[in-house]
């Protein structure tokens, strides 16, 4: 596992409700008629929720480094959101593809 992957898994294990919020807001966007959307925009909606709508001592920081992992995880697990986010090839995927070409 790469560092970002490990960071994501640790963060997700401690904060599974953040994933739930990503899914909730992605579904709201889809219900509004969008077939594709930005994980970054959904992340900022989740940030808004935790910073302004939730009362209490919630202090969630969501690193932009995690967004590519959230988009992939959501599209892997949520049938209605498959293909909803545009994703770029991860560095390790690009390196693996290069290694195949070189062989």
PDB file of N, CA and C in Angstrom:
ATOM      1  N   UNK A   1       0.834  -1.185   0.000  1.00  0.00           N
ATOM      2  CA  UNK A   1       0.000   0.000   0.000  1.00  0.00           C
ATOM      3  C   UNK A   1       0.881   1.252   0.000  1.00  0.00           C
ATOM      4  N   UNK A   2       0.535   2.211  -0.806  1.00  0.00           N
ATOM      5  CA  UNK A   2       1.265   3.469  -0.837  1.00  0.00           C
ATOM      6  C   UNK A   2       0.846   4.324   0.354  1.00  0.00           C
ATOM      7  N   UNK A   3       1.610   5.376   0.615  1.00  0.00           N
ATOM      8  CA  UNK A   3       1.327   6.233   1.769  1.00  0.00           C
ATOM      9  C   UNK A   3      -0.081   6.828   1.728  1.00  0.00           C
ATOM     10  N   UNK A   4      -0.512   7.315   0.585  1.00  0.00           N
ATOM     11  CA  UNK A   4      -1.843   7.910   0.487  1.00  0.00           C
ATOM     12  C   UNK A   4      -2.918   6.852   0.713  1.00  0.00           C
ATOM     13  N   UNK A   5      -2.687   5.664   0.205  1.00  0.00           N
ATOM     14  CA  UNK A   5      -3.644   4.584   0.425  1.00  0.00           C
ATOM     15  C   UNK A   5      -3.756   4.255   1.912  1.00  0.00           C
ATOM     16  N   UNK A   6      -2.627   4.156   2.581  1.00  0.00           N
ATOM     17  CA  UNK A   6      -2.623   3.860   4.019  1.00  0.00           C
ATOM     18  C   UNK A   6      -3.292   4.993   4.799  1.00  0.00           C
ATOM     19  N   UNK A   7      -2.991   6.231   4.427  1.00  0.00           N
ATOM     20  CA  UNK A   7      -3.596   7.396   5.070  1.00  0.00           C
ATOM     21  C   UNK A   7      -5.110   7.358   4.906  1.00  0.00           C
ATOM     22  N   UNK A   8      -5.574   7.056   3.691  1.00  0.00           N
ATOM     23  CA  UNK A   8      -7.009   6.980   3.441  1.00  0.00           C
ATOM     24  C   UNK A   8      -7.656   5.889   4.295  1.00  0.00           C
ATOM     25  N   UNK A   9      -7.073   4.701   4.312  1.00  0.00           N
ATOM     26  CA  UNK A   9      -7.658   3.590   5.066  1.00  0.00           C
ATOM     27  C   UNK A   9      -7.742   3.915   6.553  1.00  0.00           C
ATOM     28  N   UNK A  10      -6.709   4.545   7.083  1.00  0.00           N
ATOM     29  CA  UNK A  10      -6.712   4.920   8.501  1.00  0.00           C
ATOM     30  C   UNK A  10      -7.777   5.987   8.778  1.00  0.00           C
ATOM     31  N   UNK A  11      -7.831   7.005   7.919  1.00  0.00           N
ATOM     32  CA  UNK A  11      -8.816   8.076   8.080  1.00  0.00           C
ATOM     33  C   UNK A  11     -10.225   7.513   7.973  1.00  0.00           C
ATOM     34  N   UNK A  12     -10.462   6.683   6.972  1.00  0.00           N
ATOM     35  CA  UNK A  12     -11.785   6.114   6.747  1.00  0.00           C
ATOM     36  C   UNK A  12     -12.214   5.226   7.918  1.00  0.00           C
ATOM     37  N   UNK A  13     -11.295   4.461   8.463  1.00  0.00           N
ATOM     38  CA  UNK A  13     -11.629   3.601   9.607  1.00  0.00           C
ATOM     39  C   UNK A  13     -12.062   4.426  10.820  1.00  0.00           C
ATOM     40  N   UNK A  14     -11.436   5.586  10.999  1.00  0.00           N
ATOM     41  CA  UNK A  14     -11.779   6.447  12.136  1.00  0.00           C
ATOM     42  C   UNK A  14     -13.007   7.309  11.872  1.00  0.00           C
ATOM     43  N   UNK A  15     -13.307   7.555  10.604  1.00  0.00           N
ATOM     44  CA  UNK A  15     -14.376   8.492  10.240  1.00  0.00           C
ATOM     45  C   UNK A  15     -15.301   7.933   9.153  1.00  0.00           C
ATOM     46  N   UNK A  16     -15.929   6.788   9.380  1.00  0.00           N
ATOM     47  CA  UNK A  16     -16.777   6.218   8.322  1.00  0.00           C
ATOM     48  C   UNK A  16     -17.973   7.104   7.968  1.00  0.00           C
ATOM     49  N   UNK A  17     -18.395   7.942   8.891  1.00  0.00           N
ATOM     50  CA  UNK A  17     -19.509   8.861   8.646  1.00  0.00           C
ATOM     51  C   UNK A  17     -19.168   9.898   7.575  1.00  0.00           C
ATOM     52  N   UNK A  18     -17.887  10.200   7.393  1.00  0.00           N
ATOM     53  CA  UNK A  18     -17.490  11.146   6.341  1.00  0.00           C
ATOM     54  C   UNK A  18     -17.803  10.537   4.976  1.00  0.00           C
ATOM     55  N   UNK A  19     -17.501   9.262   4.804  1.00  0.00           N
ATOM     56  CA  UNK A  19     -17.857   8.555   3.568  1.00  0.00           C
ATOM     57  C   UNK A  19     -19.368   8.652   3.326  1.00  0.00           C
ATOM     58  N   UNK A  20     -20.133   8.428   4.371  1.00  0.00           N
ATOM     59  CA  UNK A  20     -21.597   8.496   4.253  1.00  0.00           C
ATOM     60  C   UNK A  20     -22.054   9.871   3.770  1.00  0.00           C
ATOM     61  N   UNK A  21     -21.404  10.921   4.242  1.00  0.00           N
ATOM     62  CA  UNK A  21     -21.760  12.271   3.810  1.00  0.00           C
ATOM     63  C   UNK A  21     -21.386  12.492   2.342  1.00  0.00           C
ATOM     64  N   UNK A  22     -20.231  11.982   1.926  1.00  0.00           N
ATOM     65  CA  UNK A  22     -19.851  12.075   0.510  1.00  0.00           C
ATOM     66  C   UNK A  22     -20.931  11.423  -0.353  1.00  0.00           C
ATOM     67  N   UNK A  23     -21.359  10.249   0.037  1.00  0.00           N
ATOM     68  CA  UNK A  23     -22.375   9.526  -0.730  1.00  0.00           C
ATOM     69  C   UNK A  23     -23.692  10.298  -0.728  1.00  0.00           C
ATOM     70  N   UNK A  24     -24.092  10.796   0.425  1.00  0.00           N
ATOM     71  CA  UNK A  24     -25.347  11.552   0.530  1.00  0.00           C
ATOM     72  C   UNK A  24     -25.360  12.738  -0.430  1.00  0.00           C
ATOM     73  N   UNK A  25     -24.293  13.535  -0.403  1.00  0.00           N
ATOM     74  CA  UNK A  25     -24.270  14.730  -1.249  1.00  0.00           C
ATOM     75  C   UNK A  25     -24.077  14.391  -2.717  1.00  0.00           C
ATOM     76  N   UNK A  26     -23.343  13.346  -3.025  1.00  0.00           N
ATOM     77  CA  UNK A  26     -23.218  12.916  -4.420  1.00  0.00           C
ATOM     78  C   UNK A  26     -24.583  12.503  -4.965  1.00  0.00           C
ATOM     79  N   UNK A  27     -25.347  11.797  -4.155  1.00  0.00           N
ATOM     80  CA  UNK A  27     -26.690  11.383  -4.586  1.00  0.00           C
ATOM     81  C   UNK A  27     -27.614  12.582  -4.750  1.00  0.00           C
ATOM     82  N   UNK A  28     -27.478  13.587  -3.907  1.00  0.00           N
ATOM     83  CA  UNK A  28     -28.292  14.802  -4.071  1.00  0.00           C
ATOM     84  C   UNK A  28     -27.978  15.487  -5.393  1.00  0.00           C
ATOM     85  N   UNK A  29     -26.697  15.549  -5.732  1.00  0.00           N
ATOM     86  CA  UNK A  29     -26.288  16.172  -6.993  1.00  0.00           C
ATOM     87  C   UNK A  29     -26.837  15.368  -8.170  1.00  0.00           C
ATOM     88  N   UNK A  30     -26.721  14.047  -8.064  1.00  0.00           N
ATOM     89  CA  UNK A  30     -27.231  13.198  -9.142  1.00  0.00           C
ATOM     90  C   UNK A  30     -28.747  13.356  -9.280  1.00  0.00           C
ATOM     91  N   UNK A  31     -29.453  13.417  -8.167  1.00  0.00           N
ATOM     92  CA  UNK A  31     -30.911  13.599  -8.197  1.00  0.00           C
ATOM     93  C   UNK A  31     -31.301  14.944  -8.816  1.00  0.00           C
ATOM     94  N   UNK A  32     -30.392  15.910  -8.750  1.00  0.00           N
ATOM     95  CA  UNK A  32     -30.639  17.226  -9.343  1.00  0.00           C
ATOM     96  C   UNK A  32     -30.402  17.218 -10.850  1.00  0.00           C
ATOM     97  N   UNK A  33     -29.985  16.063 -11.385  1.00  0.00           N
ATOM     98  CA  UNK A  33     -29.862  15.938 -12.836  1.00  0.00           C
ATOM     99  C   UNK A  33     -28.461  15.830 -13.388  1.00  0.00           C
ATOM    100  N   UNK A  34     -27.459  15.818 -12.555  1.00  0.00           N
ATOM    101  CA  UNK A  34     -26.078  15.707 -13.040  1.00  0.00           C
ATOM    102  C   UNK A  34     -25.690  14.244 -13.225  1.00  0.00           C
ATOM    103  N   UNK A  35     -25.075  13.943 -14.349  1.00  0.00           N
ATOM    104  CA  UNK A  35     -24.589  12.585 -14.610  1.00  0.00           C
ATOM    105  C   UNK A  35     -23.117  12.431 -14.238  1.00  0.00           C
ATOM    106  N   UNK A  36     -22.402  13.520 -14.167  1.00  0.00           N
ATOM    107  CA  UNK A  36     -20.992  13.570 -13.768  1.00  0.00           C
ATOM    108  C   UNK A  36     -20.838  14.748 -12.832  1.00  0.00           C
ATOM    109  N   UNK A  37     -19.894  14.619 -11.893  1.00  0.00           N
ATOM    110  CA  UNK A  37     -19.675  15.733 -10.976  1.00  0.00           C
ATOM    111  C   UNK A  37     -18.276  15.641 -10.397  1.00  0.00           C
ATOM    112  N   UNK A  38     -17.896  16.698  -9.726  1.00  0.00           N
ATOM    113  CA  UNK A  38     -16.562  16.815  -9.152  1.00  0.00           C
ATOM    114  C   UNK A  38     -16.538  16.328  -7.708  1.00  0.00           C
ATOM    115  N   UNK A  39     -15.611  15.429  -7.409  1.00  0.00           N
ATOM    116  CA  UNK A  39     -15.437  14.987  -6.021  1.00  0.00           C
ATOM    117  C   UNK A  39     -14.993  16.164  -5.155  1.00  0.00           C
ATOM    118  N   UNK A  40     -14.270  17.094  -5.740  1.00  0.00           N
ATOM    119  CA  UNK A  40     -13.799  18.268  -5.003  1.00  0.00           C
ATOM    120  C   UNK A  40     -14.989  19.103  -4.532  1.00  0.00           C
ATOM    121  N   UNK A  41     -15.975  19.289  -5.410  1.00  0.00           N
ATOM    122  CA  UNK A  41     -17.165  20.059  -5.039  1.00  0.00           C
ATOM    123  C   UNK A  41     -17.952  19.337  -3.948  1.00  0.00           C
ATOM    124  N   UNK A  42     -18.073  18.027  -4.048  1.00  0.00           N
ATOM    125  CA  UNK A  42     -18.768  17.258  -3.011  1.00  0.00           C
ATOM    126  C   UNK A  42     -18.002  17.372  -1.698  1.00  0.00           C
ATOM    127  N   UNK A  43     -16.682  17.304  -1.755  1.00  0.00           N
ATOM    128  CA  UNK A  43     -15.860  17.424  -0.538  1.00  0.00           C
ATOM    129  C   UNK A  43     -16.086  18.773   0.136  1.00  0.00           C
ATOM    130  N   UNK A  44     -16.184  19.816  -0.648  1.00  0.00           N
ATOM    131  CA  UNK A  44     -16.427  21.133  -0.055  1.00  0.00           C
ATOM    132  C   UNK A  44     -17.819  21.236   0.551  1.00  0.00           C
ATOM    133  N   UNK A  45     -18.772  20.526  -0.012  1.00  0.00           N
ATOM    134  CA  UNK A  45     -20.109  20.480   0.607  1.00  0.00           C
ATOM    135  C   UNK A  45     -20.052  19.732   1.940  1.00  0.00           C
ATOM    136  N   UNK A  46     -19.293  18.658   1.983  1.00  0.00           N
ATOM    137  CA  UNK A  46     -19.117  17.913   3.240  1.00  0.00           C
ATOM    138  C   UNK A  46     -18.419  18.803   4.261  1.00  0.00           C
ATOM    139  N   UNK A  47     -17.403  19.524   3.837  1.00  0.00           N
ATOM    140  CA  UNK A  47     -16.702  20.447   4.743  1.00  0.00           C
ATOM    141  C   UNK A  47     -17.664  21.500   5.289  1.00  0.00           C
ATOM    142  N   UNK A  48     -18.490  22.042   4.418  1.00  0.00           N
ATOM    143  CA  UNK A  48     -19.476  23.041   4.843  1.00  0.00           C
ATOM    144  C   UNK A  48     -20.400  22.447   5.909  1.00  0.00           C
ATOM    145  N   UNK A  49     -20.847  21.242   5.646  1.00  0.00           N
ATOM    146  CA  UNK A  49     -21.741  20.578   6.605  1.00  0.00           C
ATOM    147  C   UNK A  49     -21.090  20.499   7.978  1.00  0.00           C
ATOM    148  N   UNK A  50     -19.876  19.996   8.037  1.00  0.00           N
ATOM    149  CA  UNK A  50     -19.230  19.808   9.342  1.00  0.00           C
ATOM    150  C   UNK A  50     -18.789  21.120   9.983  1.00  0.00           C
ATOM    151  N   UNK A  51     -18.503  22.121   9.181  1.00  0.00           N
ATOM    152  CA  UNK A  51     -18.044  23.394   9.752  1.00  0.00           C
ATOM    153  C   UNK A  51     -19.175  24.335  10.146  1.00  0.00           C
ATOM    154  N   UNK A  52     -20.323  24.263   9.454  1.00  0.00           N
ATOM    155  CA  UNK A  52     -21.367  25.254   9.687  1.00  0.00           C
ATOM    156  C   UNK A  52     -22.726  24.695  10.085  1.00  0.00           C
ATOM    157  N   UNK A  53     -23.040  23.486   9.708  1.00  0.00           N
ATOM    158  CA  UNK A  53     -24.372  22.951   9.970  1.00  0.00           C
ATOM    159  C   UNK A  53     -24.433  22.066  11.203  1.00  0.00           C
ATOM    160  N   UNK A  54     -23.351  21.423  11.535  1.00  0.00           N
ATOM    161  CA  UNK A  54     -23.331  20.514  12.677  1.00  0.00           C
ATOM    162  C   UNK A  54     -22.990  21.308  13.929  1.00  0.00           C
ATOM    163  N   UNK A  55     -23.816  21.163  14.900  1.00  0.00           N
ATOM    164  CA  UNK A  55     -23.553  21.842  16.168  1.00  0.00           C
ATOM    165  C   UNK A  55     -22.773  20.899  17.072  1.00  0.00           C
ATOM    166  N   UNK A  56     -21.806  21.413  17.775  1.00  0.00           N
ATOM    167  CA  UNK A  56     -21.008  20.580  18.666  1.00  0.00           C
ATOM    168  C   UNK A  56     -19.532  20.852  18.481  1.00  0.00           C
ATOM    169  N   UNK A  57     -18.754  19.879  18.796  1.00  0.00           N
ATOM    170  CA  UNK A  57     -17.301  20.057  18.765  1.00  0.00           C
ATOM    171  C   UNK A  57     -16.658  19.295  17.618  1.00  0.00           C
ATOM    172  N   UNK A  58     -17.396  19.106  16.540  1.00  0.00           N
ATOM    173  CA  UNK A  58     -16.850  18.380  15.395  1.00  0.00           C
ATOM    174  C   UNK A  58     -15.797  19.226  14.704  1.00  0.00           C
ATOM    175  N   UNK A  59     -14.641  18.669  14.530  1.00  0.00           N
ATOM    176  CA  UNK A  59     -13.537  19.370  13.866  1.00  0.00           C
ATOM    177  C   UNK A  59     -12.924  18.430  12.830  1.00  0.00           C
ATOM    178  N   UNK A  60     -13.619  18.224  11.737  1.00  0.00           N
ATOM    179  CA  UNK A  60     -13.126  17.312  10.717  1.00  0.00           C
ATOM    180  C   UNK A  60     -12.364  18.076   9.657  1.00  0.00           C
ATOM    181  N   UNK A  61     -11.196  17.611   9.393  1.00  0.00           N
ATOM    182  CA  UNK A  61     -10.416  18.131   8.281  1.00  0.00           C
ATOM    183  C   UNK A  61     -10.338  17.012   7.258  1.00  0.00           C
ATOM    184  N   UNK A  62     -10.654  17.343   6.031  1.00  0.00           N
ATOM    185  CA  UNK A  62     -10.610  16.361   4.961  1.00  0.00           C
ATOM    186  C   UNK A  62      -9.530  16.797   3.982  1.00  0.00           C
ATOM    187  N   UNK A  63      -8.448  16.064   3.968  1.00  0.00           N
ATOM    188  CA  UNK A  63      -7.325  16.390   3.097  1.00  0.00           C
ATOM    189  C   UNK A  63      -7.707  16.181   1.633  1.00  0.00           C
ATOM    190  N   UNK A  64      -7.287  17.098   0.789  1.00  0.00           N
ATOM    191  CA  UNK A  64      -7.497  16.922  -0.653  1.00  0.00           C
ATOM    192  C   UNK A  64      -6.804  15.666  -1.165  1.00  0.00           C
ATOM    193  N   UNK A  65      -5.784  15.210  -0.455  1.00  0.00           N
ATOM    194  CA  UNK A  65      -5.084  13.983  -0.851  1.00  0.00           C
ATOM    195  C   UNK A  65      -6.005  12.764  -0.814  1.00  0.00           C
ATOM    196  N   UNK A  66      -7.076  12.848  -0.054  1.00  0.00           N
ATOM    197  CA  UNK A  66      -7.989  11.720   0.085  1.00  0.00           C
ATOM    198  C   UNK A  66      -9.082  11.681  -0.978  1.00  0.00           C
ATOM    199  N   UNK A  67      -9.264  12.754  -1.702  1.00  0.00           N
ATOM    200  CA  UNK A  67     -10.408  12.853  -2.612  1.00  0.00           C
ATOM    201  C   UNK A  67     -10.387  11.814  -3.722  1.00  0.00           C
ATOM    202  N   UNK A  68      -9.214  11.533  -4.266  1.00  0.00           N
ATOM    203  CA  UNK A  68      -9.154  10.527  -5.330  1.00  0.00           C
ATOM    204  C   UNK A  68      -9.543   9.152  -4.797  1.00  0.00           C
ATOM    205  N   UNK A  69      -9.216   8.901  -3.555  1.00  0.00           N
ATOM    206  CA  UNK A  69      -9.575   7.608  -2.945  1.00  0.00           C
ATOM    207  C   UNK A  69     -11.068   7.554  -2.635  1.00  0.00           C
ATOM    208  N   UNK A  70     -11.624   8.673  -2.150  1.00  0.00           N
ATOM    209  CA  UNK A  70     -13.062   8.704  -1.898  1.00  0.00           C
ATOM    210  C   UNK A  70     -13.841   8.478  -3.192  1.00  0.00           C
ATOM    211  N   UNK A  71     -13.451   9.141  -4.265  1.00  0.00           N
ATOM    212  CA  UNK A  71     -14.193   8.986  -5.522  1.00  0.00           C
ATOM    213  C   UNK A  71     -14.160   7.538  -5.998  1.00  0.00           C
ATOM    214  N   UNK A  72     -13.010   6.902  -5.901  1.00  0.00           N
ATOM    215  CA  UNK A  72     -12.899   5.511  -6.326  1.00  0.00           C
ATOM    216  C   UNK A  72     -13.687   4.575  -5.410  1.00  0.00           C
ATOM    217  N   UNK A  73     -13.574   4.780  -4.119  1.00  0.00           N
ATOM    218  CA  UNK A  73     -14.277   3.922  -3.161  1.00  0.00           C
ATOM    219  C   UNK A  73     -15.792   4.023  -3.370  1.00  0.00           C
ATOM    220  N   UNK A  74     -16.271   5.236  -3.550  1.00  0.00           N
ATOM    221  CA  UNK A  74     -17.712   5.431  -3.760  1.00  0.00           C
ATOM    222  C   UNK A  74     -18.164   4.721  -5.037  1.00  0.00           C
ATOM    223  N   UNK A  75     -17.431   4.892  -6.121  1.00  0.00           N
ATOM    224  CA  UNK A  75     -17.834   4.279  -7.382  1.00  0.00           C
ATOM    225  C   UNK A  75     -17.689   2.760  -7.369  1.00  0.00           C
ATOM    226  N   UNK A  76     -16.818   2.238  -6.500  1.00  0.00           N
ATOM    227  CA  UNK A  76     -16.700   0.783  -6.345  1.00  0.00           C
ATOM    228  C   UNK A  76     -17.853   0.197  -5.546  1.00  0.00           C
ATOM    229  N   UNK A  77     -18.365   0.943  -4.575  1.00  0.00           N
ATOM    230  CA  UNK A  77     -19.340   0.390  -3.635  1.00  0.00           C
ATOM    231  C   UNK A  77     -20.783   0.821  -3.849  1.00  0.00           C
ATOM    232  N   UNK A  78     -20.983   1.930  -4.514  1.00  0.00           N
ATOM    233  CA  UNK A  78     -22.335   2.472  -4.681  1.00  0.00           C
ATOM    234  C   UNK A  78     -22.754   2.318  -6.138  1.00  0.00           C
ATOM    235  N   UNK A  79     -23.588   1.334  -6.403  1.00  0.00           N
ATOM    236  CA  UNK A  79     -23.963   0.982  -7.772  1.00  0.00           C
ATOM    237  C   UNK A  79     -24.533   2.176  -8.534  1.00  0.00           C
ATOM    238  N   UNK A  80     -25.320   2.991  -7.869  1.00  0.00           N
ATOM    239  CA  UNK A  80     -25.946   4.131  -8.538  1.00  0.00           C
ATOM    240  C   UNK A  80     -24.966   5.263  -8.838  1.00  0.00           C
ATOM    241  N   UNK A  81     -23.752   5.186  -8.307  1.00  0.00           N
ATOM    242  CA  UNK A  81     -22.762   6.243  -8.540  1.00  0.00           C
ATOM    243  C   UNK A  81     -21.555   5.775  -9.366  1.00  0.00           C
ATOM    244  N   UNK A  82     -21.642   4.594  -9.950  1.00  0.00           N
ATOM    245  CA  UNK A  82     -20.567   4.111 -10.819  1.00  0.00           C
ATOM    246  C   UNK A  82     -20.403   5.090 -11.976  1.00  0.00           C
ATOM    247  N   UNK A  83     -19.183   5.559 -12.196  1.00  0.00           N
ATOM    248  CA  UNK A  83     -18.891   6.476 -13.293  1.00  0.00           C
ATOM    249  C   UNK A  83     -19.282   7.923 -13.040  1.00  0.00           C
ATOM    250  N   UNK A  84     -19.748   8.234 -11.838  1.00  0.00           N
ATOM    251  CA  UNK A  84     -20.235   9.579 -11.539  1.00  0.00           C
ATOM    252  C   UNK A  84     -19.118  10.611 -11.464  1.00  0.00           C
ATOM    253  N   UNK A  85     -17.962  10.201 -10.960  1.00  0.00           N
ATOM    254  CA  UNK A  85     -16.830  11.124 -10.817  1.00  0.00           C
ATOM    255  C   UNK A  85     -15.804  10.881 -11.913  1.00  0.00           C
ATOM    256  N   UNK A  86     -15.234  11.968 -12.412  1.00  0.00           N
ATOM    257  CA  UNK A  86     -14.101  11.840 -13.313  1.00  0.00           C
ATOM    258  C   UNK A  86     -12.871  11.527 -12.474  1.00  0.00           C
ATOM    259  N   UNK A  87     -12.111  10.545 -12.885  1.00  0.00           N
ATOM    260  CA  UNK A  87     -10.899  10.198 -12.152  1.00  0.00           C
ATOM    261  C   UNK A  87      -9.716  10.174 -13.105  1.00  0.00           C
ATOM    262  N   UNK A  88      -8.587  10.566 -12.572  1.00  0.00           N
ATOM    263  CA  UNK A  88      -7.334  10.476 -13.311  1.00  0.00           C
ATOM    264  C   UNK A  88      -6.617   9.222 -12.857  1.00  0.00           C
ATOM    265  N   UNK A  89      -5.715   8.765 -13.662  1.00  0.00           N
ATOM    266  CA  UNK A  89      -4.907   7.616 -13.304  1.00  0.00           C
ATOM    267  C   UNK A  89      -4.042   7.961 -12.099  1.00  0.00           C
ATOM    268  N   UNK A  90      -4.012   7.092 -11.117  1.00  0.00           N
ATOM    269  CA  UNK A  90      -3.134   7.293  -9.964  1.00  0.00           C
ATOM    270  C   UNK A  90      -1.689   7.070 -10.392  1.00  0.00           C
ATOM    271  N   UNK A  91      -0.768   7.672  -9.679  1.00  0.00           N
ATOM    272  CA  UNK A  91       0.649   7.542 -10.030  1.00  0.00           C
ATOM    273  C   UNK A  91       1.076   6.083 -10.075  1.00  0.00           C
ATOM    274  N   UNK A  92       0.621   5.274  -9.116  1.00  0.00           N
ATOM    275  CA  UNK A  92       1.029   3.872  -9.116  1.00  0.00           C
ATOM    276  C   UNK A  92       0.421   3.109 -10.286  1.00  0.00           C
ATOM    277  N   UNK A  93      -0.773   3.524 -10.751  1.00  0.00           N
ATOM    278  CA  UNK A  93      -1.366   2.903 -11.931  1.00  0.00           C
ATOM    279  C   UNK A  93      -0.572   3.257 -13.176  1.00  0.00           C
ATOM    280  N   UNK A  94      -0.149   4.505 -13.265  1.00  0.00           N
ATOM    281  CA  UNK A  94       0.650   4.940 -14.408  1.00  0.00           C
ATOM    282  C   UNK A  94       1.992   4.203 -14.426  1.00  0.00           C
ATOM    283  N   UNK A  95       2.600   4.050 -13.254  1.00  0.00           N
ATOM    284  CA  UNK A  95       3.883   3.345 -13.169  1.00  0.00           C
ATOM    285  C   UNK A  95       3.719   1.882 -13.571  1.00  0.00           C
ATOM    286  N   UNK A  96       2.638   1.246 -13.156  1.00  0.00           N
ATOM    287  CA  UNK A  96       2.384  -0.149 -13.509  1.00  0.00           C
ATOM    288  C   UNK A  96       2.171  -0.293 -15.012  1.00  0.00           C
ATOM    289  N   UNK A  97       1.452   0.649 -15.610  1.00  0.00           N
ATOM    290  CA  UNK A  97       1.224   0.612 -17.059  1.00  0.00           C
ATOM    291  C   UNK A  97       2.543   0.780 -17.799  1.00  0.00           C
ATOM    292  N   UNK A  98       3.412   1.652 -17.315  1.00  0.00           N
ATOM    293  CA  UNK A  98       4.723   1.864 -17.935  1.00  0.00           C
ATOM    294  C   UNK A  98       5.559   0.593 -17.844  1.00  0.00           C
ATOM    295  N   UNK A  99       5.518  -0.064 -16.690  1.00  0.00           N
ATOM    296  CA  UNK A  99       6.267  -1.298 -16.504  1.00  0.00           C
ATOM    297  C   UNK A  99       5.799  -2.366 -17.497  1.00  0.00           C
ATOM    298  N   UNK A 100       4.494  -2.444 -17.765  1.00  0.00           N
ATOM    299  CA  UNK A 100       3.982  -3.423 -18.732  1.00  0.00           C
ATOM    300  C   UNK A 100       4.493  -3.122 -20.130  1.00  0.00           C
ATOM    301  N   UNK A 101       4.575  -1.866 -20.495  1.00  0.00           N
ATOM    302  CA  UNK A 101       5.056  -1.481 -21.812  1.00  0.00           C
ATOM    303  C   UNK A 101       6.530  -1.837 -21.971  1.00  0.00           C
ATOM    304  N   UNK A 102       7.291  -1.643 -20.913  1.00  0.00           N
ATOM    305  CA  UNK A 102       8.728  -1.891 -20.943  1.00  0.00           C
ATOM    306  C   UNK A 102       9.076  -3.378 -21.027  1.00  0.00           C
ATOM    307  N   UNK A 103       8.187  -4.256 -20.644  1.00  0.00           N
ATOM    308  CA  UNK A 103       8.487  -5.695 -20.611  1.00  0.00           C
ATOM    309  C   UNK A 103       8.503  -6.302 -21.969  1.00  0.00           C
TER     310      UNK A 103
END
